[in-house]
Amino acid sequence: MQIPGCTTIISRFKDSGGLLYWAFQQGKSGADSLYEKAEEAADIGTYTHAMFEAHRRGQPTPKPVGLSDLQIERAETALIAALDWEKYVQFESVALEQSLVCECYQYGCTIDEIARVNGKLEDCEWKTSGGIYVDHLIQIAAQKHAWECNNPELRLEAASVIRFSRDTGEFAWHHFTDFEEPFAQFVRFREAYDVDQRLKRRVR
């Protein structure tokens, strides 16, 4: 049986406020279409992530392909901030790209990285976005639960969203330790997702 991913579930009930604001800003700036700059933003984030992952794995820095000088500059700015943060918090990687299934609530997820941050075991999610959103908090709560279902001897003490600014390349660390309420919200979303799927079948 195919089970949904946690981001698929969350996205079904996603807060569209940030997207609506972005669409307004696109129109205000005179963009020809809503998605005129979306690809550029994704390229910056993708390249920054690739550089940081290469650094973590001890691999050569990947070469940018099809990026403007400004995009490369923004990606490098974000990378420098991430490296400075890594030293400050004594960041120690434990596992990368962990794909997990939660049997009790029947969902899957992929955790960007499990690491020790200042000696504490954490779920670390890397995001390129215009801000930090409730969806991010609900996602890391769901991932924390899935990790602990599969690794009960390695409980997570915290979780972080490490954000690269879409517009400026600035770096920010958002740290969370209380997951009771966001996980309860995810459980509601999970239940509503199944109801939603059944209702869709009724109106086909």
Protein backbone atom coordinates (compact mmCIF):
# COMPACT_ATOMS: atom_id res chain seq x y z
CA MET A 1 0.00 0.00 0.00
CA GLN A 2 1.33 3.41 -0.95
CA ILE A 3 1.48 5.88 1.91
CA PRO A 4 1.74 9.69 1.64
CA GLY A 5 4.78 11.72 2.59
CA CYS A 6 4.51 14.17 5.48
CA THR A 7 5.09 17.17 3.19
CA THR A 8 2.31 15.94 0.87
CA ILE A 9 -0.05 15.80 3.83
CA ILE A 10 0.96 19.21 5.15
CA SER A 11 0.80 20.80 1.71
CA ARG A 12 -2.85 19.76 1.33
CA PHE A 13 -3.70 22.07 4.24
CA LYS A 14 -0.95 24.60 3.62
CA ASP A 15 -1.19 28.20 4.79
CA SER A 16 -1.25 30.18 1.53
CA GLY A 17 -0.53 33.55 3.15
CA GLY A 18 3.14 33.58 2.20
CA LEU A 19 2.38 32.51 -1.36
CA LEU A 20 -0.27 35.21 -1.75
CA TYR A 21 2.14 37.87 -0.47
CA TRP A 22 4.81 36.65 -2.91
CA ALA A 23 2.31 36.81 -5.77
CA PHE A 24 1.39 40.37 -4.77
CA GLN A 25 5.06 41.38 -4.67
CA GLN A 26 5.61 39.87 -8.13
CA GLY A 27 2.77 41.94 -9.53
CA LYS A 28 3.96 45.05 -7.71
CA SER A 29 7.46 44.66 -9.15
CA GLY A 30 6.10 44.56 -12.71
CA ALA A 31 6.90 40.90 -13.37
CA ASP A 32 5.35 39.59 -16.59
CA SER A 33 4.15 36.47 -14.80
CA LEU A 34 3.92 35.15 -11.22
CA TYR A 35 6.75 32.69 -11.84
CA GLU A 36 9.18 34.98 -13.64
CA LYS A 37 11.70 34.88 -10.75
CA ALA A 38 10.82 31.54 -9.17
CA GLU A 39 13.40 29.56 -11.13
CA GLU A 40 16.16 32.02 -10.20
CA ALA A 41 15.38 31.68 -6.51
CA ALA A 42 15.37 27.89 -6.76
CA ASP A 43 18.75 27.93 -8.53
CA ILE A 44 20.36 29.93 -5.73
CA GLY A 45 19.02 27.56 -3.08
CA THR A 46 19.92 24.44 -5.02
CA TYR A 47 23.49 25.58 -5.60
CA THR A 48 23.98 26.65 -1.98
CA HIS A 49 22.71 23.28 -0.78
CA ALA A 50 24.99 21.47 -3.23
CA MET A 51 28.03 23.44 -2.04
CA PHE A 52 27.24 22.84 1.63
CA GLU A 53 26.60 19.12 1.08
CA ALA A 54 29.87 18.78 -0.84
CA HIS A 55 31.67 20.49 2.04
CA ARG A 56 30.06 18.12 4.56
CA ARG A 57 31.01 15.05 2.53
CA GLY A 58 34.55 16.29 1.85
CA GLN A 59 33.89 16.49 -1.89
CA PRO A 60 35.01 19.18 -4.37
CA THR A 61 32.81 22.26 -4.65
CA PRO A 62 30.43 21.74 -7.57
CA LYS A 63 30.63 24.15 -10.48
CA PRO A 64 27.63 26.42 -11.08
CA VAL A 65 25.77 25.68 -14.30
CA GLY A 66 23.69 28.38 -15.94
CA LEU A 67 23.83 30.77 -12.97
CA SER A 68 24.36 34.51 -13.17
CA ASP A 69 27.15 36.25 -11.26
CA LEU A 70 24.54 37.63 -8.85
CA GLN A 71 23.09 34.19 -8.20
CA ILE A 72 26.56 32.78 -7.51
CA GLU A 73 27.37 35.67 -5.17
CA ARG A 74 24.17 35.13 -3.18
CA ALA A 75 24.80 31.39 -2.93
CA GLU A 76 28.37 31.95 -1.74
CA THR A 77 27.17 34.47 0.86
CA ALA A 78 24.74 31.90 2.22
CA LEU A 79 27.44 29.24 2.26
CA ILE A 80 29.88 31.42 4.23
CA ALA A 81 27.19 32.12 6.83
CA ALA A 82 26.42 28.40 7.11
CA LEU A 83 30.09 27.53 7.60
CA ASP A 84 30.48 30.18 10.30
CA TRP A 85 27.38 28.83 12.06
CA GLU A 86 28.67 25.27 11.76
CA LYS A 87 31.82 26.21 13.71
CA TYR A 88 29.92 28.23 16.30
CA VAL A 89 27.53 25.42 17.26
CA GLN A 90 30.11 22.61 16.91
CA PHE A 91 27.99 20.95 14.24
CA GLU A 92 28.66 17.20 13.91
CA SER A 93 26.86 15.22 11.19
CA VAL A 94 25.35 11.86 12.19
CA ALA A 95 23.27 10.92 9.11
CA LEU A 96 22.27 12.52 5.80
CA GLU A 97 19.07 12.10 3.78
CA GLN A 98 17.32 9.62 6.06
CA SER A 99 14.15 8.19 4.46
CA LEU A 100 11.77 6.82 7.09
CA VAL A 101 8.27 5.39 7.44
CA CYS A 102 6.08 5.92 10.49
CA GLU A 103 4.03 2.74 10.83
CA CYS A 104 1.70 4.04 13.56
CA TYR A 105 0.39 6.98 11.52
CA GLN A 106 1.24 5.60 8.07
CA TYR A 107 3.36 8.33 6.48
CA GLY A 108 6.84 8.67 5.08
CA CYS A 109 9.45 11.40 5.30
CA THR A 110 13.04 12.19 4.39
CA ILE A 111 15.13 14.06 6.95
CA ASP A 112 17.80 16.32 5.46
CA GLU A 113 20.26 15.69 8.26
CA ILE A 114 20.56 14.29 11.76
CA ALA A 115 23.36 16.03 13.62
CA ARG A 116 24.73 16.91 17.03
CA VAL A 117 24.43 20.65 17.61
CA ASN A 118 26.25 21.82 20.73
CA GLY A 119 26.31 18.15 21.73
CA LYS A 120 22.55 17.61 21.37
CA LEU A 121 21.04 15.28 18.77
CA GLU A 122 18.78 17.20 16.35
CA ASP A 123 16.80 16.96 13.14
CA CYS A 124 18.17 19.69 10.84
CA GLU A 125 16.16 20.80 7.82
CA TRP A 126 17.72 23.05 5.18
CA LYS A 127 15.31 25.50 3.53
CA THR A 128 15.52 28.17 0.86
CA SER A 129 12.54 30.42 1.50
CA GLY A 130 11.35 33.94 2.15
CA GLY A 131 10.70 33.17 5.82
CA ILE A 132 10.03 30.58 8.48
CA TYR A 133 6.48 29.19 8.42
CA VAL A 134 4.17 27.08 10.60
CA ASP A 135 4.41 24.36 7.93
CA HIS A 136 8.13 24.04 8.68
CA LEU A 137 7.48 23.53 12.39
CA ILE A 138 4.81 20.90 11.71
CA GLN A 139 7.15 19.13 9.28
CA ILE A 140 10.05 18.81 11.73
CA ALA A 141 7.63 17.60 14.43
CA ALA A 142 6.42 14.83 12.10
CA GLN A 143 9.99 13.95 11.15
CA LYS A 144 11.09 13.83 14.78
CA HIS A 145 8.30 11.37 15.54
CA ALA A 146 9.19 9.16 12.56
CA TRP A 147 12.87 9.16 13.50
CA GLU A 148 12.15 8.12 17.09
CA CYS A 149 9.76 5.37 15.94
CA ASN A 150 12.63 3.89 13.94
CA ASN A 151 15.45 4.80 16.35
CA PRO A 152 14.02 4.63 19.88
CA GLU A 153 17.51 4.53 21.38
CA LEU A 154 18.43 7.84 19.67
CA ARG A 155 15.79 10.32 20.76
CA LEU A 156 16.08 13.85 19.39
CA GLU A 157 16.46 16.67 21.89
CA ALA A 158 15.58 19.41 19.42
CA ALA A 159 15.07 20.24 15.76
CA SER A 160 16.17 23.14 13.61
CA VAL A 161 15.19 24.85 10.40
CA ILE A 162 18.32 26.28 8.78
CA ARG A 163 17.08 28.85 6.31
CA PHE A 164 18.79 30.47 3.34
CA SER A 165 16.96 33.64 2.34
CA ARG A 166 15.49 33.34 -1.13
CA ASP A 167 16.00 37.03 -1.90
CA THR A 168 19.30 37.96 -0.22
CA GLY A 169 21.10 34.73 0.57
CA GLU A 170 21.21 35.59 4.28
CA PHE A 171 21.47 32.69 6.69
CA ALA A 172 19.32 32.08 9.80
CA TRP A 173 19.02 29.28 12.37
CA HIS A 174 15.58 28.59 13.86
CA HIS A 175 15.77 26.23 16.85
CA PHE A 176 12.79 24.37 18.43
CA THR A 177 12.45 22.07 21.45
CA ASP A 178 8.68 21.72 22.08
CA PHE A 179 6.84 19.56 19.53
CA GLU A 180 3.67 18.48 21.33
CA GLU A 181 1.34 21.00 19.71
CA PRO A 182 2.81 20.96 16.17
CA PHE A 183 2.77 17.15 16.12
CA ALA A 184 -0.84 17.12 17.35
CA GLN A 185 -1.65 19.42 14.43
CA PHE A 186 0.10 17.03 12.04
CA VAL A 187 -1.97 14.12 13.39
CA ARG A 188 -5.12 16.14 12.64
CA PHE A 189 -3.82 16.80 9.13
CA ARG A 190 -3.06 13.09 8.68
CA GLU A 191 -6.60 12.11 9.66
CA ALA A 192 -8.10 14.87 7.50
CA TYR A 193 -5.95 13.77 4.56
CA ASP A 194 -7.58 10.31 4.54
CA VAL A 195 -11.04 11.86 4.79
CA ASP A 196 -10.15 14.22 1.96
CA GLN A 197 -9.06 11.32 -0.26
CA ARG A 198 -12.32 9.43 0.39
CA LEU A 199 -14.41 12.50 -0.40
CA LYS A 200 -12.53 13.06 -3.65
CA ARG A 201 -13.34 9.51 -4.75
CA ARG A 202 -17.04 10.20 -4.14
CA VAL A 203 -17.14 13.17 -6.53
CA ARG A 204 -15.14 11.74 -9.41
